[in-house]
Every structure is written in structure tokens, then in C-alpha cells.
Protein backbone atom coordinates (compact mmCIF):
# COMPACT_ATOMS: atom_id res chain seq x y z
CA MET A 1 23.89 14.61 10.86
CA LYS A 2 21.07 12.32 9.75
CA TYR A 3 17.37 13.11 9.40
CA ARG A 4 15.13 10.46 10.95
CA LEU A 5 12.36 9.86 8.43
CA ASN A 6 9.37 7.62 8.04
CA SER A 7 8.90 8.27 4.32
CA VAL A 8 9.18 10.64 1.37
CA PHE A 9 6.25 10.40 -1.05
CA THR A 10 4.07 12.32 -3.49
CA SER A 11 0.33 12.76 -3.01
CA LEU A 12 -2.35 15.44 -2.64
CA GLN A 13 -2.72 17.65 0.41
CA GLY A 14 -5.78 16.24 2.11
CA GLU A 15 -6.96 19.02 4.41
CA GLY A 16 -7.01 22.70 5.19
CA ARG A 17 -6.75 25.57 2.73
CA ASN A 18 -4.45 23.68 0.35
CA VAL A 19 -6.69 20.61 0.03
CA GLY A 20 -6.23 18.87 -3.30
CA ARG A 21 -2.88 20.51 -4.04
CA PRO A 22 -0.21 18.08 -5.36
CA ALA A 23 2.78 17.92 -3.04
CA THR A 24 5.87 16.02 -2.02
CA PHE A 25 5.64 14.99 1.64
CA ILE A 26 8.67 14.55 3.89
CA ARG A 27 7.38 12.66 6.91
CA PHE A 28 9.60 12.74 10.00
CA ALA A 29 9.55 9.74 12.28
CA THR A 30 9.68 11.23 15.78
CA CYS A 31 7.27 13.33 17.83
CA ASN A 32 7.35 15.18 21.14
CA LEU A 33 3.73 14.21 21.95
CA HIS A 34 1.98 10.84 22.12
CA CYS A 35 -1.67 11.33 21.20
CA PRO A 36 -3.55 8.06 21.81
CA TRP A 37 -5.58 8.36 18.61
CA CYS A 38 -2.66 9.26 16.32
CA ASP A 39 -2.79 7.35 13.03
CA THR A 40 0.71 8.32 11.88
CA HIS A 41 3.37 5.63 11.85
CA ARG A 42 6.36 7.09 13.68
CA THR A 43 8.71 4.19 12.91
CA VAL A 44 12.13 5.25 11.66
CA HIS A 45 12.43 3.70 8.21
CA MET A 46 15.45 5.68 7.07
CA GLU A 47 18.17 7.96 8.37
CA LEU A 48 19.34 10.23 5.57
CA SER A 49 21.84 13.02 5.20
CA LEU A 50 20.75 16.39 3.85
CA GLU A 51 22.13 15.47 0.44
CA GLU A 52 20.24 12.16 0.45
CA VAL A 53 16.96 13.85 1.39
CA MET A 54 17.41 16.37 -1.40
CA LEU A 55 18.12 13.59 -3.89
CA LYS A 56 14.81 11.94 -3.00
CA VAL A 57 12.97 15.24 -3.38
CA ARG A 58 14.58 16.00 -6.74
CA HIS A 59 13.28 12.69 -8.09
CA ARG A 60 9.78 14.09 -7.58
CA GLU A 61 8.51 16.90 -9.76
CA LYS A 62 6.15 18.52 -7.22
CA ARG A 63 7.37 21.99 -6.32
CA PHE A 64 5.23 22.17 -3.16
CA VAL A 65 6.94 20.32 -0.29
CA ILE A 66 5.22 19.60 3.03
CA LEU A 67 7.28 18.78 6.12
CA THR A 68 5.10 16.69 8.39
CA GLY A 69 5.42 13.98 10.99
CA GLY A 70 5.70 12.90 13.59
CA GLU A 71 6.79 16.40 14.53
CA PRO A 72 9.25 18.28 12.32
CA SER A 73 10.08 20.95 14.92
CA VAL A 74 12.04 18.45 17.06
CA GLN A 75 14.27 17.41 14.15
CA ALA A 76 17.82 18.74 14.38
CA GLY A 77 18.92 20.59 11.27
CA LEU A 78 15.40 21.52 10.19
CA SER A 79 16.38 25.04 9.11
CA ASP A 80 19.22 23.66 6.98
CA LEU A 81 16.77 21.40 5.16
CA VAL A 82 14.29 24.22 4.58
CA ARG A 83 17.02 26.46 3.16
CA ALA A 84 18.20 23.68 0.84
CA LEU A 85 14.65 23.07 -0.39
CA LYS A 86 14.07 26.75 -1.07
CA ASP A 87 17.42 27.07 -2.84
CA ASP A 88 16.17 24.23 -5.06
CA GLY A 89 13.11 26.30 -5.97
CA ARG A 90 10.61 24.53 -3.70
CA VAL A 91 7.68 26.07 -1.84
CA VAL A 92 7.96 24.72 1.70
CA ALA A 93 5.09 24.15 4.14
CA LEU A 94 5.24 22.94 7.73
CA GLU A 95 2.69 20.85 9.61
CA THR A 96 3.26 21.08 13.36
CA ASN A 97 1.49 20.55 16.67
CA GLY A 98 2.72 24.02 17.69
CA PHE A 99 3.95 22.80 21.06
CA ILE A 100 7.40 24.21 20.33
CA ALA A 101 7.90 26.91 17.71
CA PRO A 102 10.34 25.78 15.02
CA PRO A 103 13.62 27.63 14.67
CA HIS A 104 13.30 30.40 12.09
CA PRO A 105 9.58 30.04 11.31
CA GLU A 106 9.99 32.89 8.81
CA LEU A 107 11.73 30.44 6.46
CA PHE A 108 8.49 28.60 5.75
CA ASP A 109 6.12 29.67 3.00
CA TYR A 110 3.14 28.16 4.83
CA ILE A 111 2.54 26.85 8.36
CA ALA A 112 -0.38 24.66 9.42
CA CYS A 113 -0.64 24.22 13.18
CA SER A 114 -2.66 21.47 14.86
CA PRO A 115 -2.66 21.99 18.66
CA LYS A 116 -3.52 18.94 20.76
CA PRO A 117 -6.18 19.29 23.51
CA ASP A 118 -4.74 16.39 25.55
CA TYR A 119 -1.67 18.55 26.19
CA ALA A 120 -3.46 21.86 26.79
CA PRO A 121 -1.77 22.65 30.16
CA ARG A 122 1.68 22.18 28.62
CA TYR A 123 1.29 24.81 25.88
CA ARG A 124 3.44 27.68 27.15
CA ASP A 125 3.38 31.13 25.58
CA GLY A 126 7.16 31.43 25.71
CA GLN A 127 7.80 28.29 23.67
CA MET A 128 4.70 27.56 21.58
CA LEU A 129 4.05 28.73 18.03
CA ASN A 130 2.06 31.97 18.05
CA ARG A 131 1.59 32.63 14.31
CA ALA A 132 0.48 30.31 11.50
CA ASN A 133 -1.34 30.45 8.20
CA GLU A 134 -3.97 28.03 9.43
CA VAL A 135 -4.93 26.26 12.65
CA ARG A 136 -6.57 22.82 12.51
CA ILE A 137 -7.91 21.17 15.67
CA VAL A 138 -9.06 17.56 15.65
CA ALA A 139 -12.44 17.03 17.32
CA GLU A 140 -11.28 14.42 19.84
CA THR A 141 -14.56 15.13 21.62
CA ASP A 142 -17.18 17.84 21.11
CA MET A 143 -16.36 19.19 24.60
CA ILE A 144 -13.19 21.10 23.69
CA ALA A 145 -14.72 24.38 22.52
CA SER A 146 -12.91 26.32 25.26
CA PHE A 147 -9.58 24.84 24.12
CA CYS A 148 -10.34 25.96 20.57
CA ARG A 149 -11.09 29.48 21.78
CA ASN A 150 -7.91 29.55 23.86
CA MET A 151 -5.76 28.45 20.91
CA ARG A 152 -7.42 31.00 18.64
CA GLU A 153 -6.54 33.75 21.07
CA ARG A 154 -2.92 32.57 21.33
CA ILE A 155 -2.18 31.54 17.72
CA LYS A 156 -2.91 34.21 15.14
CA ALA A 157 -3.84 32.70 11.78
CA ASP A 158 -5.72 33.44 8.58
CA ASP A 159 -7.99 30.39 8.83
CA TYR A 160 -9.24 28.10 11.61
CA TYR A 161 -10.54 24.58 11.04
CA ILE A 162 -12.16 21.71 12.91
CA SER A 163 -11.18 18.27 11.63
CA PRO A 164 -12.97 14.96 12.29
CA LEU A 165 -11.22 12.32 14.35
CA GLU A 166 -10.46 8.94 12.84
CA LYS A 167 -10.37 6.18 15.42
CA ASP A 168 -10.53 2.42 14.97
CA GLY A 169 -11.20 2.89 11.27
CA LYS A 170 -14.19 5.19 11.79
CA MET A 171 -14.42 8.89 10.93
CA HIS A 172 -16.36 10.81 13.60
CA TYR A 173 -17.96 13.47 11.40
CA ARG A 174 -20.93 14.20 13.67
CA ARG A 175 -18.62 14.97 16.57
CA ALA A 176 -16.70 17.44 14.38
CA LEU A 177 -19.94 19.11 13.27
CA ASN A 178 -21.09 19.43 16.89
CA LEU A 179 -17.79 21.01 17.91
CA LEU A 180 -17.87 23.34 14.91
CA SER A 181 -21.30 24.57 15.97
CA LYS A 182 -20.13 25.08 19.55
CA VAL A 183 -17.00 27.07 18.72
CA ASN A 184 -18.85 29.36 16.34
CA ARG A 185 -21.53 30.02 18.99
CA LEU A 186 -18.78 30.65 21.53
CA MET A 187 -17.07 33.13 19.20
CA PRO A 188 -19.91 34.73 17.22
CA ASP A 189 -17.84 37.72 16.16
CA ALA A 190 -14.81 35.73 14.99
CA ASN A 191 -13.77 36.58 11.45
CA PRO A 192 -13.31 34.29 9.68
CA PRO A 193 -15.53 31.80 11.50
CA TRP A 194 -14.30 28.28 12.16
CA ALA A 195 -14.74 25.97 9.15
CA LEU A 196 -14.88 22.21 8.68
CA SER A 197 -11.83 20.51 7.16
CA ILE A 198 -12.69 17.07 5.81
CA GLN A 199 -9.63 14.86 5.37
CA MET A 200 -10.07 14.39 1.65
CA HIS A 201 -7.21 11.94 1.27
CA LYS A 202 -8.95 9.50 3.61
CA VAL A 203 -12.31 9.92 1.88
CA ILE A 204 -10.91 9.05 -1.55
CA GLY A 205 -8.45 6.47 -0.24
CA ILE A 206 -5.04 7.91 -1.02
CA ARG A 207 -1.98 8.31 1.15
């Protein structure tokens, strides 16, 4: 079996609770959704065996490993990779759209879920992720407050974030601030309240 990857690299986590934390990123090349604003290159640049992936990770000293995409949950053999990483002493985080819960989510040390409003009708309770450490929703528009509330009710998490959309080289911060205000008015008793997650890696110009 081969893992279809875009890249393996070292950088800083750019958003959410772990912002600024050094990490090794394993970026998968395929996704089960096709968001029109997605800025992730999903081209398959390498197909590696489990042993080859682990060799690339061992060449990097960062203990924190983030599986991202594309969409990791659609990758065959994901649980085998997570077990191998943990046996190697790594702390393993998952970034997922939550559309399909990964097999054995309990294996992960941290899960960040980013549900996609364009696919709201297709999120089914029987298949979607229902527990994460954090939820991050991109402010595609400032009219998706009801989607945010719906996802908060269906995905239990410790933290909830609104992230600005980058489109055509522009970061739409005002739209994110407007949505943040709306969701916190819509859910005045929510604890913790929704917070803003600035994509730090894009602000300072790193990968």
C-alpha cells in the first residue's frame, strides 16, 4: 500500500489553539470535497510506503506531527500510520473537514475539524465526526452563522474558531469579524465563546 502525499515538511502551526507550535506536517494529496476557494495543492507528488513516510518523518526532529490535506480521513491505512508515528514517540494531530469520521479517532492526540458550509446538507450524523479538540470554520461569507451554530451543536469541542477566507491573494478579515460577531450574538450563552483564528503562517509568510 502507498500513501498519496503532496509533501512532508517542517513549519509552525499557523492557526487554532496550537498556533506557533513547531511541527512536522504530512500533507495528503486527495480530498473528498472540492471547495472552490481551497488554496491547498492536492497534486500527488509522491506515493510512499509506510516505511518511506516514517523515514521522512525521522529526518525531522519535531515531535509534533500534523496530518493534513487534502483530507487524511480518506487515505487508506491511516490508522497504521498513526500507530507507527506514536510508536516512534510522536504526538499526532489530525486536521479534517469532519465529513467522514476517521477510523479510530481515539488514536489521535489532537483533532482540529473544519466543516465546510458549501456541503452543509451532506453532513450526516451517522458518518460525520462528532468530537474534536477544536472546530475552525472559514468565513466564506458572513451569512453562515446558522451553519456555525448547527456544527457547534453536532461537534463537541473544547474551542470554536472563525477563520478568515483567503481568496485571490486577499485575506477577508472584516468578513471573519462580522461572522464572529453574529455567531456570538446567536449563541450568547456559549462557553467558551467563538474566537478569531488568524492564519499566522500566512501573515508572516511561511509555509
